[in-house]
């Protein structure tokens, strides 16, 4: 009988130790989470419109003055599913070009709208890209003008379809010309 009582006492002691360890881990995680929240939250305040106006009037560039509060939304990138591959004429010979592109949009609504109209955007970009000249694409100024032209055409098409510009920038993430 005495041996049986010792075994029961040992089992109960093991359960208590496990319970204490589990409670300690939970408390430790709660304290760590609270500390992380405290350090991450910070005490940054949004500037008022009057502060933004005075910063603009004095010519001081501020982060808040560069992006209006709440109007733009977060920057999201919509990748084109396939690279654009096409031939362009040049002065001496035709060239083969491959462009990988992404669209910069602001806000989740514009992202969904751009994703919904990817085939239309691809068609518009391919039309703009195929009008290019190999001699122009060999220079950085030519690439910049191609980006600007493609942006204006995509925005024009998106205004017709969805009523808004939707796309803020067309970004070239890969550009190869052979």
C-alpha atoms as a PDB file:
ATOM      1  CA  UNK A   1       0.000   0.000   0.000  1.00  0.00           C
ATOM      2  CA  UNK A   2       2.754   2.417   0.850  1.00  0.00           C
ATOM      3  CA  UNK A   3       4.315   1.868  -2.566  1.00  0.00           C
ATOM      4  CA  UNK A   4       1.029   2.679  -4.325  1.00  0.00           C
ATOM      5  CA  UNK A   5       0.649   5.954  -2.404  1.00  0.00           C
ATOM      6  CA  UNK A   6       4.189   7.042  -3.436  1.00  0.00           C
ATOM      7  CA  UNK A   7       3.384   6.422  -7.101  1.00  0.00           C
ATOM      8  CA  UNK A   8       0.193   8.485  -6.856  1.00  0.00           C
ATOM      9  CA  UNK A   9       2.052  11.332  -5.176  1.00  0.00           C
ATOM     10  CA  UNK A  10       4.743  11.353  -7.892  1.00  0.00           C
ATOM     11  CA  UNK A  11       2.159  11.452 -10.687  1.00  0.00           C
ATOM     12  CA  UNK A  12       0.301  14.377  -9.105  1.00  0.00           C
ATOM     13  CA  UNK A  13       3.571  16.290  -8.646  1.00  0.00           C
ATOM     14  CA  UNK A  14       4.463  15.822 -12.328  1.00  0.00           C
ATOM     15  CA  UNK A  15       1.080  17.196 -13.432  1.00  0.00           C
ATOM     16  CA  UNK A  16       1.507  20.253 -11.223  1.00  0.00           C
ATOM     17  CA  UNK A  17       4.966  20.943 -12.657  1.00  0.00           C
ATOM     18  CA  UNK A  18       3.640  20.700 -16.224  1.00  0.00           C
ATOM     19  CA  UNK A  19       0.776  23.041 -15.374  1.00  0.00           C
ATOM     20  CA  UNK A  20       3.158  25.578 -13.822  1.00  0.00           C
ATOM     21  CA  UNK A  21       5.432  25.422 -16.880  1.00  0.00           C
ATOM     22  CA  UNK A  22       2.505  25.946 -19.275  1.00  0.00           C
ATOM     23  CA  UNK A  23       1.229  28.907 -17.254  1.00  0.00           C
ATOM     24  CA  UNK A  24       4.730  30.422 -17.171  1.00  0.00           C
ATOM     25  CA  UNK A  25       5.074  30.083 -20.962  1.00  0.00           C
ATOM     26  CA  UNK A  26       1.669  31.725 -21.541  1.00  0.00           C
ATOM     27  CA  UNK A  27       2.540  34.613 -19.200  1.00  0.00           C
ATOM     28  CA  UNK A  28       5.930  35.023 -20.871  1.00  0.00           C
ATOM     29  CA  UNK A  29       4.328  35.156 -24.336  1.00  0.00           C
ATOM     30  CA  UNK A  30       1.755  37.692 -23.134  1.00  0.00           C
ATOM     31  CA  UNK A  31       4.484  39.914 -21.671  1.00  0.00           C
ATOM     32  CA  UNK A  32       6.582  39.619 -24.847  1.00  0.00           C
ATOM     33  CA  UNK A  33       3.560  40.474 -27.020  1.00  0.00           C
ATOM     34  CA  UNK A  34       2.719  43.482 -24.872  1.00  0.00           C
ATOM     35  CA  UNK A  35       6.308  44.685 -25.021  1.00  0.00           C
ATOM     36  CA  UNK A  36       6.425  44.285 -28.797  1.00  0.00           C
ATOM     37  CA  UNK A  37       3.174  46.249 -29.137  1.00  0.00           C
ATOM     38  CA  UNK A  38       4.497  48.998 -26.862  1.00  0.00           C
ATOM     39  CA  UNK A  39       7.743  49.402 -28.814  1.00  0.00           C
ATOM     40  CA  UNK A  40       6.158  49.075 -32.271  1.00  0.00           C
ATOM     41  CA  UNK A  41       3.207  51.413 -31.721  1.00  0.00           C
ATOM     42  CA  UNK A  42       5.269  54.569 -31.235  1.00  0.00           C
ATOM     43  CA  UNK A  43       3.761  57.949 -30.566  1.00  0.00           C
ATOM     44  CA  UNK A  44       3.921  59.488 -34.036  1.00  0.00           C
ATOM     45  CA  UNK A  45       1.127  61.934 -34.722  1.00  0.00           C
ATOM     46  CA  UNK A  46      -0.293  62.798 -38.117  1.00  0.00           C
ATOM     47  CA  UNK A  47       0.397  66.419 -39.026  1.00  0.00           C
ATOM     48  CA  UNK A  48      -2.606  68.693 -39.340  1.00  0.00           C
ATOM     49  CA  UNK A  49      -3.591  70.316 -42.622  1.00  0.00           C
ATOM     50  CA  UNK A  50      -2.320  73.664 -41.292  1.00  0.00           C
ATOM     51  CA  UNK A  51       1.133  72.155 -40.661  1.00  0.00           C
ATOM     52  CA  UNK A  52       1.180  70.700 -44.173  1.00  0.00           C
ATOM     53  CA  UNK A  53       0.161  74.050 -45.677  1.00  0.00           C
ATOM     54  CA  UNK A  54       2.884  75.931 -43.786  1.00  0.00           C
ATOM     55  CA  UNK A  55       5.479  73.345 -44.810  1.00  0.00           C
ATOM     56  CA  UNK A  56       4.437  73.714 -48.456  1.00  0.00           C
ATOM     57  CA  UNK A  57       4.461  77.513 -48.218  1.00  0.00           C
ATOM     58  CA  UNK A  58       7.940  77.564 -46.694  1.00  0.00           C
ATOM     59  CA  UNK A  59       9.262  75.115 -49.285  1.00  0.00           C
ATOM     60  CA  UNK A  60      10.221  72.438 -46.757  1.00  0.00           C
ATOM     61  CA  UNK A  61       9.595  68.983 -48.199  1.00  0.00           C
ATOM     62  CA  UNK A  62       7.934  66.743 -45.665  1.00  0.00           C
ATOM     63  CA  UNK A  63       6.692  63.202 -45.950  1.00  0.00           C
ATOM     64  CA  UNK A  64       3.167  64.263 -45.136  1.00  0.00           C
ATOM     65  CA  UNK A  65       3.256  67.046 -47.714  1.00  0.00           C
ATOM     66  CA  UNK A  66       4.405  64.682 -50.445  1.00  0.00           C
ATOM     67  CA  UNK A  67       1.502  62.257 -49.971  1.00  0.00           C
ATOM     68  CA  UNK A  68      -1.879  63.570 -48.918  1.00  0.00           C
ATOM     69  CA  UNK A  69      -3.227  61.822 -45.857  1.00  0.00           C
ATOM     70  CA  UNK A  70      -5.687  59.053 -46.611  1.00  0.00           C
ATOM     71  CA  UNK A  71      -6.262  60.048 -50.233  1.00  0.00           C
ATOM     72  CA  UNK A  72      -3.809  57.849 -52.106  1.00  0.00           C
ATOM     73  CA  UNK A  73      -3.913  54.498 -50.326  1.00  0.00           C
ATOM     74  CA  UNK A  74      -1.057  52.039 -50.149  1.00  0.00           C
ATOM     75  CA  UNK A  75       1.075  51.237 -53.177  1.00  0.00           C
ATOM     76  CA  UNK A  76       0.346  47.821 -54.644  1.00  0.00           C
ATOM     77  CA  UNK A  77       1.979  46.150 -57.625  1.00  0.00           C
ATOM     78  CA  UNK A  78       0.090  44.128 -60.210  1.00  0.00           C
ATOM     79  CA  UNK A  79       2.456  41.970 -62.291  1.00  0.00           C
ATOM     80  CA  UNK A  80       1.705  41.256 -65.907  1.00  0.00           C
ATOM     81  CA  UNK A  81       1.397  37.471 -66.191  1.00  0.00           C
ATOM     82  CA  UNK A  82       3.686  37.100 -69.218  1.00  0.00           C
ATOM     83  CA  UNK A  83       6.605  39.109 -70.579  1.00  0.00           C
ATOM     84  CA  UNK A  84       5.964  41.086 -73.745  1.00  0.00           C
ATOM     85  CA  UNK A  85       7.992  39.677 -76.662  1.00  0.00           C
ATOM     86  CA  UNK A  86       7.972  41.444 -80.016  1.00  0.00           C
ATOM     87  CA  UNK A  87      10.084  42.608 -82.941  1.00  0.00           C
ATOM     88  CA  UNK A  88      10.819  46.276 -83.621  1.00  0.00           C
ATOM     89  CA  UNK A  89      12.332  47.771 -86.758  1.00  0.00           C
ATOM     90  CA  UNK A  90      15.701  49.495 -86.551  1.00  0.00           C
ATOM     91  CA  UNK A  91      17.889  51.524 -88.924  1.00  0.00           C
ATOM     92  CA  UNK A  92      20.330  48.694 -89.631  1.00  0.00           C
ATOM     93  CA  UNK A  93      18.217  45.636 -88.722  1.00  0.00           C
ATOM     94  CA  UNK A  94      15.150  44.511 -86.830  1.00  0.00           C
ATOM     95  CA  UNK A  95      15.510  43.784 -83.117  1.00  0.00           C
ATOM     96  CA  UNK A  96      13.827  41.346 -80.762  1.00  0.00           C
ATOM     97  CA  UNK A  97      12.621  42.914 -77.486  1.00  0.00           C
ATOM     98  CA  UNK A  98      11.386  41.348 -74.251  1.00  0.00           C
ATOM     99  CA  UNK A  99       9.834  43.591 -71.602  1.00  0.00           C
ATOM    100  CA  UNK A 100       8.598  42.462 -68.195  1.00  0.00           C
ATOM    101  CA  UNK A 101       6.192  44.953 -66.656  1.00  0.00           C
ATOM    102  CA  UNK A 102       4.283  45.624 -63.453  1.00  0.00           C
ATOM    103  CA  UNK A 103       1.597  48.171 -62.714  1.00  0.00           C
ATOM    104  CA  UNK A 104       1.708  50.459 -59.688  1.00  0.00           C
ATOM    105  CA  UNK A 105      -1.780  51.059 -58.311  1.00  0.00           C
ATOM    106  CA  UNK A 106      -3.023  52.696 -55.137  1.00  0.00           C
ATOM    107  CA  UNK A 107      -5.487  50.897 -52.896  1.00  0.00           C
ATOM    108  CA  UNK A 108      -7.119  47.495 -52.974  1.00  0.00           C
ATOM    109  CA  UNK A 109     -10.021  48.651 -55.162  1.00  0.00           C
ATOM    110  CA  UNK A 110      -7.661  49.755 -57.934  1.00  0.00           C
ATOM    111  CA  UNK A 111      -5.683  46.527 -57.581  1.00  0.00           C
ATOM    112  CA  UNK A 112      -8.809  44.442 -58.096  1.00  0.00           C
ATOM    113  CA  UNK A 113      -9.868  46.624 -61.035  1.00  0.00           C
ATOM    114  CA  UNK A 114      -6.449  46.263 -62.691  1.00  0.00           C
ATOM    115  CA  UNK A 115      -6.427  42.483 -62.138  1.00  0.00           C
ATOM    116  CA  UNK A 116      -9.901  42.233 -63.634  1.00  0.00           C
ATOM    117  CA  UNK A 117      -8.779  44.024 -66.813  1.00  0.00           C
ATOM    118  CA  UNK A 118      -5.318  42.431 -67.285  1.00  0.00           C
ATOM    119  CA  UNK A 119      -6.066  41.170 -70.831  1.00  0.00           C
ATOM    120  CA  UNK A 120      -7.144  44.658 -71.924  1.00  0.00           C
ATOM    121  CA  UNK A 121      -4.058  46.217 -70.319  1.00  0.00           C
ATOM    122  CA  UNK A 122      -1.795  43.612 -71.947  1.00  0.00           C
ATOM    123  CA  UNK A 123      -3.312  44.318 -75.345  1.00  0.00           C
ATOM    124  CA  UNK A 124      -2.877  48.062 -74.913  1.00  0.00           C
ATOM    125  CA  UNK A 125       0.740  47.710 -73.788  1.00  0.00           C
ATOM    126  CA  UNK A 126       1.584  45.378 -76.649  1.00  0.00           C
ATOM    127  CA  UNK A 127       0.111  47.862 -79.115  1.00  0.00           C
ATOM    128  CA  UNK A 128       2.209  50.684 -77.663  1.00  0.00           C
ATOM    129  CA  UNK A 129       5.365  48.566 -77.495  1.00  0.00           C
ATOM    130  CA  UNK A 130       5.066  47.362 -81.073  1.00  0.00           C
ATOM    131  CA  UNK A 131       4.961  50.960 -82.368  1.00  0.00           C
ATOM    132  CA  UNK A 132       8.430  51.603 -80.903  1.00  0.00           C
ATOM    133  CA  UNK A 133      11.652  51.921 -82.872  1.00  0.00           C
ATOM    134  CA  UNK A 134      14.785  49.919 -81.982  1.00  0.00           C
ATOM    135  CA  UNK A 135      16.999  53.009 -82.235  1.00  0.00           C
ATOM    136  CA  UNK A 136      14.839  54.837 -79.696  1.00  0.00           C
ATOM    137  CA  UNK A 137      14.709  51.870 -77.324  1.00  0.00           C
ATOM    138  CA  UNK A 138      18.511  51.708 -77.259  1.00  0.00           C
ATOM    139  CA  UNK A 139      18.620  54.965 -75.254  1.00  0.00           C
ATOM    140  CA  UNK A 140      17.386  55.566 -71.725  1.00  0.00           C
ATOM    141  CA  UNK A 141      15.376  58.570 -72.920  1.00  0.00           C
ATOM    142  CA  UNK A 142      13.608  56.318 -75.419  1.00  0.00           C
ATOM    143  CA  UNK A 143      12.761  53.805 -72.683  1.00  0.00           C
ATOM    144  CA  UNK A 144      11.440  56.606 -70.460  1.00  0.00           C
ATOM    145  CA  UNK A 145       9.249  57.965 -73.263  1.00  0.00           C
ATOM    146  CA  UNK A 146       7.958  54.439 -73.955  1.00  0.00           C
ATOM    147  CA  UNK A 147       7.023  54.103 -70.268  1.00  0.00           C
ATOM    148  CA  UNK A 148       5.240  57.454 -70.321  1.00  0.00           C
ATOM    149  CA  UNK A 149       3.381  56.668 -73.536  1.00  0.00           C
ATOM    150  CA  UNK A 150       2.331  53.248 -72.251  1.00  0.00           C
ATOM    151  CA  UNK A 151       1.109  54.809 -68.980  1.00  0.00           C
ATOM    152  CA  UNK A 152      -1.005  57.404 -70.780  1.00  0.00           C
ATOM    153  CA  UNK A 153      -2.528  54.779 -73.098  1.00  0.00           C
ATOM    154  CA  UNK A 154      -3.320  52.388 -70.228  1.00  0.00           C
ATOM    155  CA  UNK A 155      -4.882  55.214 -68.215  1.00  0.00           C
ATOM    156  CA  UNK A 156      -6.943  56.297 -71.218  1.00  0.00           C
ATOM    157  CA  UNK A 157      -8.273  52.746 -71.712  1.00  0.00           C
ATOM    158  CA  UNK A 158      -8.986  52.302 -67.988  1.00  0.00           C
ATOM    159  CA  UNK A 159     -10.922  55.591 -67.860  1.00  0.00           C
ATOM    160  CA  UNK A 160     -13.103  54.333 -70.719  1.00  0.00           C
ATOM    161  CA  UNK A 161     -13.708  50.966 -69.055  1.00  0.00           C
ATOM    162  CA  UNK A 162     -13.869  51.678 -65.333  1.00  0.00           C
ATOM    163  CA  UNK A 163     -14.286  55.444 -65.062  1.00  0.00           C
ATOM    164  CA  UNK A 164     -10.941  56.070 -63.319  1.00  0.00           C
ATOM    165  CA  UNK A 165      -7.251  56.042 -64.170  1.00  0.00           C
ATOM    166  CA  UNK A 166      -6.599  53.061 -61.816  1.00  0.00           C
ATOM    167  CA  UNK A 167      -2.898  52.706 -62.824  1.00  0.00           C
ATOM    168  CA  UNK A 168      -0.399  55.205 -61.415  1.00  0.00           C
ATOM    169  CA  UNK A 169       2.760  53.934 -63.133  1.00  0.00           C
ATOM    170  CA  UNK A 170       3.895  51.302 -65.604  1.00  0.00           C
ATOM    171  CA  UNK A 171       7.165  49.840 -64.350  1.00  0.00           C
ATOM    172  CA  UNK A 172       9.638  47.887 -66.463  1.00  0.00           C
ATOM    173  CA  UNK A 173      11.071  45.116 -64.294  1.00  0.00           C
ATOM    174  CA  UNK A 174      12.975  43.534 -67.169  1.00  0.00           C
ATOM    175  CA  UNK A 175      14.105  44.936 -70.502  1.00  0.00           C
ATOM    176  CA  UNK A 176      16.116  42.907 -73.034  1.00  0.00           C
ATOM    177  CA  UNK A 177      16.819  43.904 -76.618  1.00  0.00           C
ATOM    178  CA  UNK A 178      18.774  41.661 -79.020  1.00  0.00           C
END
